[in-house]
C-alpha cells in the first residue's frame, strides 16, 4: 500500500518520518516538521492518553463552530406573551357573535389567552412574495378561510418572518381541514405547510457514570424538585458519551413546556444527576451539512455535487480556503431565491447568521404549539 501524503507538502510520509494525525474535522496526516512540531511534542502526543492535536485549519473551524454550539434559545416566555397579540381582537369579536366566549375561571376572571394555546398541530401560511406585510396575509386568511363558518377550532396564531403566519389547531382533524381549505383558496399566492408539534428538548452533559434511561429520569426528578413535579413530562431520547470523552456522558431528553422553562431559568441551566452537577443546553436539532453548508441534512445525505466553503461560499473545502472576506452561501441563496435582503458578510456557521436565525425562529414557532 502506498505511503500516505502529507497534507501540507503533499509528499509521502514514510515509516521513518515523524508524523502527526489531526484529531479535528479534517482527519489529515502531516509531517511533524511541516507543522513545526518537535520530537518531544510528538512523543507527548503519542504517550499521553486523551491528548488531542488539531491542525490550524481545524482549530479555526472548531472555534467558529463553537459559536453555534454555545447559542441558547432565548426564554420562550416572551414568545408566549406575544402569542395571539395580532388576532386577539378579531377572535374575541367572532367568539362574541357565536356566543362562544371563554368561561370565567374560579376567580371570576376570564382565562388568559395563552392558557388556550395548547394546539396539537399547526399550519404555516407563507406568502410567495417575501416582501408582503403580515397584515396582508392576515386579511387574505380572514377573507378566504372563515374559522366560524368552517367550524375550525383555532388554538393559537403567531406572526413569523417574511409576512408568514403560524396557525395552531386544537386537533389534527382541524389542522387537515384548515390546510385543505387554505390550499384550495390561497395556493396561488401562498405556500401552505402542515407542521407537527413536538416537545422542547434539552441536552444534559457531564454525567461521570453511564446510567439507564430509568435512572436518569429518577435522579433528575428526585434531585431537582424546583423544576420537576409529579406532573412533569420527561422522556429520554438518547444517552451517549461526549465526543472523544468516553468517560463523560450526556443525555438528550424531551420535556413539557413548563418544566423546560424552569430548567433553563429557575435551575440556571444546571441539574443534579447523582453526584454530578450537569450543564443543560437547548438541544435544537437542526441538521447541518458540512459538504454544501446547507440545512436539513447531513454530509452523508448531501445530494449536491459541489462543495460550498462555509467561510467564503466558493467550491472548495474550508481547509483550503484562503479568502480574506466572509460570504454566507445560505443567505446568498435566500436573497436570490426568496428576495430576502440578508447580510451575507459572515460565515455560514455564524450564530448571528440571518438565515440560521430564521430556521431557529421556525423551530421555536413550532415549539410554541407543543
Protein backbone atom coordinates (compact mmCIF):
# COMPACT_ATOMS: atom_id res chain seq x y z
CA UNK A 1 0.00 0.00 0.00
CA UNK A 2 1.31 3.43 -0.93
CA UNK A 3 2.57 5.75 1.80
CA UNK A 4 0.10 8.46 2.84
CA UNK A 5 0.76 12.01 1.69
CA UNK A 6 1.39 14.96 3.97
CA UNK A 7 -1.50 17.40 3.64
CA UNK A 8 0.91 20.34 3.88
CA UNK A 9 3.74 19.49 1.46
CA UNK A 10 1.94 16.73 -0.50
CA UNK A 11 4.93 14.38 -0.26
CA UNK A 12 4.95 10.82 1.06
CA UNK A 13 5.10 10.10 4.78
CA UNK A 14 7.45 7.14 5.11
CA UNK A 15 7.81 4.76 8.02
CA UNK A 16 10.85 6.71 9.24
CA UNK A 17 9.11 10.08 9.05
CA UNK A 18 7.84 11.76 12.19
CA UNK A 19 4.18 12.42 11.52
CA UNK A 20 1.06 13.56 13.30
CA UNK A 21 -2.62 12.91 12.60
CA UNK A 22 -5.17 15.69 13.09
CA UNK A 23 -7.88 14.83 15.63
CA UNK A 24 -10.12 17.55 14.21
CA UNK A 25 -12.64 17.56 11.38
CA UNK A 26 -10.19 17.02 8.52
CA UNK A 27 -8.59 13.77 9.84
CA UNK A 28 -5.49 14.51 7.74
CA UNK A 29 -1.88 13.41 8.33
CA UNK A 30 1.10 15.78 8.33
CA UNK A 31 4.87 15.69 8.62
CA UNK A 32 5.75 16.89 12.11
CA UNK A 33 8.24 19.33 10.60
CA UNK A 34 5.59 20.80 8.29
CA UNK A 35 3.57 21.69 11.38
CA UNK A 36 6.56 22.94 13.36
CA UNK A 37 6.28 20.15 15.93
CA UNK A 38 9.39 18.96 17.76
CA UNK A 39 10.19 15.33 18.52
CA UNK A 40 9.29 15.91 22.21
CA UNK A 41 5.88 17.24 21.27
CA UNK A 42 5.22 14.24 19.03
CA UNK A 43 6.32 11.91 21.83
CA UNK A 44 3.91 13.56 24.28
CA UNK A 45 1.03 13.34 21.80
CA UNK A 46 1.68 9.61 21.38
CA UNK A 47 2.32 8.97 25.07
CA UNK A 48 -0.39 10.93 26.90
CA UNK A 49 -3.75 9.17 26.74
CA UNK A 50 -6.52 11.53 25.68
CA UNK A 51 -4.21 14.30 24.45
CA UNK A 52 -5.54 15.57 21.13
CA UNK A 53 -3.84 17.61 18.43
CA UNK A 54 -5.56 19.66 15.73
CA UNK A 55 -4.14 21.43 12.71
CA UNK A 56 -4.54 25.21 12.43
CA UNK A 57 -7.43 24.96 9.96
CA UNK A 58 -9.39 22.68 12.27
CA UNK A 59 -8.64 24.89 15.29
CA UNK A 60 -10.06 27.87 13.44
CA UNK A 61 -13.02 25.81 12.27
CA UNK A 62 -13.65 24.44 15.79
CA UNK A 63 -13.66 27.91 17.32
CA UNK A 64 -16.18 29.18 14.80
CA UNK A 65 -18.40 26.10 15.09
CA UNK A 66 -18.30 26.51 18.87
CA UNK A 67 -20.24 29.73 18.46
CA UNK A 68 -23.13 27.66 17.16
CA UNK A 69 -22.92 25.17 20.00
CA UNK A 70 -22.85 27.92 22.64
CA UNK A 71 -26.04 29.56 21.39
CA UNK A 72 -29.01 29.03 23.68
CA UNK A 73 -32.60 29.77 22.80
CA UNK A 74 -33.98 32.87 24.49
CA UNK A 75 -36.69 32.24 27.03
CA UNK A 76 -39.90 31.08 25.42
CA UNK A 77 -41.90 33.19 27.84
CA UNK A 78 -41.50 36.23 25.61
CA UNK A 79 -42.93 34.32 22.67
CA UNK A 80 -45.84 33.09 24.77
CA UNK A 81 -46.60 36.64 25.93
CA UNK A 82 -46.63 37.83 22.33
CA UNK A 83 -48.69 34.88 21.14
CA UNK A 84 -52.07 35.85 19.68
CA UNK A 85 -51.46 39.61 20.03
CA UNK A 86 -52.40 40.16 16.38
CA UNK A 87 -55.62 38.13 16.40
CA UNK A 88 -56.89 38.86 19.91
CA UNK A 89 -59.48 41.47 18.92
CA UNK A 90 -60.74 39.60 15.84
CA UNK A 91 -61.07 36.34 17.72
CA UNK A 92 -62.97 37.84 20.61
CA UNK A 93 -65.35 39.61 18.20
CA UNK A 94 -66.07 36.37 16.35
CA UNK A 95 -66.46 34.49 19.63
CA UNK A 96 -68.92 37.11 20.86
CA UNK A 97 -71.05 36.71 17.72
CA UNK A 98 -71.32 32.96 18.19
CA UNK A 99 -71.72 33.12 21.96
CA UNK A 100 -68.57 31.06 22.49
CA UNK A 101 -66.73 33.45 24.79
CA UNK A 102 -64.35 31.76 27.27
CA UNK A 103 -65.91 30.86 30.58
CA UNK A 104 -64.68 32.80 33.62
CA UNK A 105 -62.25 30.99 35.89
CA UNK A 106 -62.76 30.40 39.62
CA UNK A 107 -61.67 33.95 40.43
CA UNK A 108 -64.24 35.46 38.07
CA UNK A 109 -61.53 36.50 35.60
CA UNK A 110 -61.57 35.07 32.10
CA UNK A 111 -58.85 32.61 31.22
CA UNK A 112 -55.70 34.14 29.80
CA UNK A 113 -55.30 33.97 26.07
CA UNK A 114 -52.11 31.94 26.38
CA UNK A 115 -53.89 29.34 28.52
CA UNK A 116 -55.76 28.06 25.46
CA UNK A 117 -52.61 27.89 23.29
CA UNK A 118 -52.20 24.16 23.52
CA UNK A 119 -52.69 23.10 19.89
CA UNK A 120 -51.79 19.64 18.69
CA UNK A 121 -50.61 20.72 15.24
CA UNK A 122 -50.18 23.85 13.17
CA UNK A 123 -50.24 25.24 9.65
CA UNK A 124 -47.64 27.61 8.21
CA UNK A 125 -49.05 30.06 5.67
CA UNK A 126 -46.14 31.76 3.92
CA UNK A 127 -46.61 34.33 1.10
CA UNK A 128 -44.60 33.64 -2.05
CA UNK A 129 -43.82 37.35 -2.11
CA UNK A 130 -41.44 37.61 0.85
CA UNK A 131 -41.81 41.40 0.95
CA UNK A 132 -45.51 41.12 1.77
CA UNK A 133 -46.65 42.52 5.13
CA UNK A 134 -48.16 40.10 7.62
CA UNK A 135 -51.26 42.31 7.78
CA UNK A 136 -51.99 41.41 4.14
CA UNK A 137 -51.59 37.72 4.95
CA UNK A 138 -53.99 38.07 7.86
CA UNK A 139 -56.55 39.89 5.69
CA UNK A 140 -56.40 37.22 2.98
CA UNK A 141 -56.75 34.47 5.57
CA UNK A 142 -59.78 36.10 7.18
CA UNK A 143 -61.37 36.74 3.77
CA UNK A 144 -60.98 33.24 2.35
CA UNK A 145 -60.86 31.00 5.45
CA UNK A 146 -63.51 31.95 8.00
CA UNK A 147 -62.95 29.82 11.14
CA UNK A 148 -66.53 30.42 12.30
CA UNK A 149 -68.36 29.33 9.14
CA UNK A 150 -65.90 26.47 8.60
CA UNK A 151 -66.23 25.38 12.25
CA UNK A 152 -62.46 25.40 12.77
CA UNK A 153 -61.10 25.35 16.30
CA UNK A 154 -58.02 27.60 16.33
CA UNK A 155 -55.74 27.34 19.37
CA UNK A 156 -53.14 29.96 18.51
CA UNK A 157 -51.69 32.34 15.96
CA UNK A 158 -48.17 33.71 15.59
CA UNK A 159 -46.55 36.03 13.07
CA UNK A 160 -43.36 34.67 11.51
CA UNK A 161 -40.77 36.06 9.12
CA UNK A 162 -41.40 37.35 5.62
CA UNK A 163 -45.11 38.03 6.14
CA UNK A 164 -45.93 34.48 7.19
CA UNK A 165 -48.29 33.19 9.85
CA UNK A 166 -48.35 30.10 12.03
CA UNK A 167 -51.88 28.96 12.89
CA UNK A 168 -52.29 26.38 15.62
CA UNK A 169 -55.24 23.98 15.64
CA UNK A 170 -56.92 22.18 18.52
CA UNK A 171 -56.92 18.82 16.74
CA UNK A 172 -55.30 17.03 13.84
CA UNK A 173 -58.67 16.99 12.04
CA UNK A 174 -58.92 20.78 12.30
CA UNK A 175 -55.36 21.08 11.04
CA UNK A 176 -56.02 18.90 8.00
CA UNK A 177 -59.26 20.76 7.27
CA UNK A 178 -57.58 24.17 7.54
CA UNK A 179 -54.76 23.08 5.26
CA UNK A 180 -57.19 21.71 2.66
CA UNK A 181 -59.22 24.94 2.57
CA UNK A 182 -56.10 27.12 2.51
CA UNK A 183 -54.61 25.14 -0.39
CA UNK A 184 -57.85 25.41 -2.38
CA UNK A 185 -58.23 29.16 -1.90
CA UNK A 186 -54.75 30.55 -1.28
CA UNK A 187 -52.26 28.27 -3.06
CA UNK A 188 -51.72 30.72 -5.93
CA UNK A 189 -50.21 33.31 -3.58
CA UNK A 190 -49.10 31.25 -0.59
CA UNK A 191 -47.12 28.18 0.40
CA UNK A 192 -49.14 26.13 2.89
CA UNK A 193 -47.37 23.56 5.05
CA UNK A 194 -48.58 21.38 7.91
CA UNK A 195 -46.28 21.30 10.90
CA UNK A 196 -46.41 18.58 13.53
CA UNK A 197 -45.78 19.78 17.05
CA UNK A 198 -43.20 18.35 19.42
CA UNK A 199 -41.88 18.88 22.92
CA UNK A 200 -38.89 21.08 23.77
CA UNK A 201 -35.67 19.15 24.07
CA UNK A 202 -32.60 19.69 26.26
CA UNK A 203 -29.15 18.12 26.48
CA UNK A 204 -27.77 17.25 29.92
CA UNK A 205 -23.97 16.98 29.80
CA UNK A 206 -21.43 15.98 32.44
CA UNK A 207 -22.51 12.62 33.87
CA UNK A 208 -19.50 10.60 35.03
CA UNK A 209 -21.43 7.32 35.08
CA UNK A 210 -23.50 5.75 32.33
CA UNK A 211 -26.99 5.43 33.75
CA UNK A 212 -30.02 3.69 32.34
CA UNK A 213 -32.87 5.82 30.99
CA UNK A 214 -34.94 4.99 34.05
CA UNK A 215 -32.16 6.00 36.45
CA UNK A 216 -31.62 9.32 34.66
CA UNK A 217 -35.32 10.17 34.93
CA UNK A 218 -35.44 9.04 38.56
CA UNK A 219 -32.40 11.13 39.51
CA UNK A 220 -33.42 14.37 37.86
CA UNK A 221 -36.96 14.13 39.26
CA UNK A 222 -35.79 13.41 42.81
CA UNK A 223 -32.85 15.83 42.93
CA UNK A 224 -34.29 18.85 41.10
CA UNK A 225 -37.72 19.40 42.66
CA UNK A 226 -37.64 23.15 41.95
CA UNK A 227 -38.17 22.28 38.27
CA UNK A 228 -39.72 18.80 38.27
CA UNK A 229 -43.09 17.89 39.77
CA UNK A 230 -45.08 14.67 39.72
CA UNK A 231 -46.86 16.02 36.63
CA UNK A 232 -43.69 16.87 34.69
CA UNK A 233 -43.35 15.09 31.36
CA UNK A 234 -39.84 13.75 30.88
CA UNK A 235 -38.63 11.23 28.32
CA UNK A 236 -35.06 10.22 27.45
CA UNK A 237 -34.27 10.37 23.74
CA UNK A 238 -30.70 9.07 23.96
CA UNK A 239 -27.74 8.64 26.29
CA UNK A 240 -24.24 8.61 24.82
CA UNK A 241 -20.64 9.60 25.60
CA UNK A 242 -19.45 13.10 24.84
CA UNK A 243 -17.38 13.08 21.66
CA UNK A 244 -13.82 11.92 22.37
CA UNK A 245 -14.57 11.61 26.10
CA UNK A 246 -15.81 8.07 26.62
CA UNK A 247 -15.84 8.58 30.40
CA UNK A 248 -18.27 11.53 30.34
CA UNK A 249 -21.89 11.06 29.27
CA UNK A 250 -24.73 13.23 28.03
CA UNK A 251 -28.47 12.65 27.82
CA UNK A 252 -30.99 14.25 25.49
CA UNK A 253 -34.48 14.46 26.98
CA UNK A 254 -37.90 15.77 25.97
CA UNK A 255 -39.75 17.95 28.48
CA UNK A 256 -43.09 19.67 28.76
CA UNK A 257 -43.03 23.44 28.25
CA UNK A 258 -43.36 24.40 31.91
CA UNK A 259 -40.56 22.10 33.07
CA UNK A 260 -38.38 23.21 30.16
CA UNK A 261 -38.69 26.88 31.18
CA UNK A 262 -37.96 26.09 34.83
CA UNK A 263 -34.86 24.06 33.99
CA UNK A 264 -33.37 26.92 31.96
CA UNK A 265 -34.44 29.73 34.31
CA UNK A 266 -35.01 28.56 37.89
CA UNK A 267 -32.22 25.98 37.71
CA UNK A 268 -29.93 28.35 35.77
CA UNK A 269 -29.12 25.66 33.24
CA UNK A 270 -27.81 23.19 35.86
CA UNK A 271 -29.23 19.85 37.02
CA UNK A 272 -28.07 17.37 39.65
CA UNK A 273 -27.74 13.79 38.43
CA UNK A 274 -26.35 11.62 41.22
CA UNK A 275 -23.21 13.41 42.46
CA UNK A 276 -22.73 15.27 39.19
CA UNK A 277 -23.73 18.88 38.56
CA UNK A 278 -24.55 18.78 34.86
CA UNK A 279 -24.83 21.61 32.36
CA UNK A 280 -28.11 21.85 30.46
CA UNK A 281 -28.38 23.19 26.91
CA UNK A 282 -31.17 23.66 24.42
CA UNK A 283 -30.95 20.70 22.06
CA UNK A 284 -32.02 22.27 18.79
CA UNK A 285 -31.91 19.51 16.23
CA UNK A 286 -31.26 21.49 13.06
CA UNK A 287 -29.31 19.29 10.69
CA UNK A 288 -26.31 21.00 9.08
CA UNK A 289 -24.29 19.73 6.13
CA UNK A 290 -20.53 20.28 6.12
CA UNK A 291 -20.44 19.47 2.41
CA UNK A 292 -22.75 22.12 0.90
CA UNK A 293 -23.10 24.15 4.16
CA UNK A 294 -26.90 23.84 3.92
CA UNK A 295 -29.51 22.73 6.45
CA UNK A 296 -31.97 19.84 6.87
CA UNK A 297 -29.47 17.09 6.04
CA UNK A 298 -26.03 15.77 6.95
CA UNK A 299 -22.99 15.42 4.69
CA UNK A 300 -23.60 11.71 4.08
CA UNK A 301 -27.10 12.57 2.80
CA UNK A 302 -26.00 15.53 0.66
CA UNK A 303 -27.10 15.45 -2.99
CA UNK A 304 -25.00 18.43 -4.05
CA UNK A 305 -22.16 17.63 -6.43
CA UNK A 306 -20.17 20.64 -5.25
CA UNK A 307 -18.55 21.66 -2.00
CA UNK A 308 -19.53 25.06 -0.69
CA UNK A 309 -17.00 26.56 1.69
CA UNK A 310 -18.78 27.80 4.84
CA UNK A 311 -16.36 30.74 5.02
CA UNK A 312 -16.48 32.21 1.52
CA UNK A 313 -19.20 30.14 -0.30
CA UNK A 314 -16.79 29.09 -3.07
CA UNK A 315 -16.43 25.50 -4.31
CA UNK A 316 -13.62 24.19 -2.10
CA UNK A 317 -13.08 22.64 1.33
CA UNK A 318 -12.80 25.00 4.27
CA UNK A 319 -9.28 23.78 5.00
CA UNK A 320 -8.22 25.08 1.58
CA UNK A 321 -9.91 28.46 2.00
CA UNK A 322 -7.63 31.46 1.51
CA UNK A 323 -10.38 34.08 1.29
CA UNK A 324 -9.86 37.31 3.21
CA UNK A 325 -13.58 38.14 3.39
CA UNK A 326 -16.56 36.06 4.52
CA UNK A 327 -19.67 35.29 2.48
CA UNK A 328 -22.56 33.07 3.63
CA UNK A 329 -23.84 30.69 0.96
CA UNK A 330 -27.22 30.24 2.71
CA UNK A 331 -28.02 33.96 2.92
CA UNK A 332 -26.90 34.39 -0.70
CA UNK A 333 -29.29 31.64 -1.85
CA UNK A 334 -32.14 33.08 0.21
CA UNK A 335 -31.59 36.54 -1.28
CA UNK A 336 -31.53 35.13 -4.82
CA UNK A 337 -34.39 32.64 -4.49
CA UNK A 338 -36.71 34.34 -1.99
CA UNK A 339 -35.90 38.03 -2.50
CA UNK A 340 -34.73 38.46 1.08
CA UNK A 341 -32.19 41.13 1.93
CA UNK A 342 -29.95 39.25 4.33
CA UNK A 343 -26.45 40.49 5.06
CA UNK A 344 -24.06 37.92 3.56
CA UNK A 345 -20.78 39.13 5.12
CA UNK A 346 -20.37 36.29 7.59
CA UNK A 347 -19.55 32.57 7.69
CA UNK A 348 -22.35 30.05 7.21
CA UNK A 349 -21.81 28.75 10.75
CA UNK A 350 -22.04 32.22 12.36
CA UNK A 351 -24.55 32.15 15.24
CA UNK A 352 -25.84 35.56 14.07
CA UNK A 353 -26.50 34.39 10.51
CA UNK A 354 -29.94 35.76 9.48
CA UNK A 355 -30.86 32.57 7.65
CA UNK A 356 -29.83 30.42 10.62
CA UNK A 357 -31.86 32.65 12.96
CA UNK A 358 -34.82 32.25 10.62
CA UNK A 359 -34.56 28.48 10.95
CA UNK A 360 -34.35 28.82 14.74
CA UNK A 361 -37.46 31.01 14.75
CA UNK A 362 -39.32 28.42 12.70
CA UNK A 363 -38.27 25.80 15.25
CA UNK A 364 -39.43 27.97 18.15
CA UNK A 365 -42.70 28.72 16.38
CA UNK A 366 -43.46 25.02 16.16
CA UNK A 367 -42.37 24.58 19.76
CA UNK A 368 -45.00 27.07 20.93
CA UNK A 369 -47.76 24.67 19.92
CA UNK A 370 -46.36 21.54 21.55
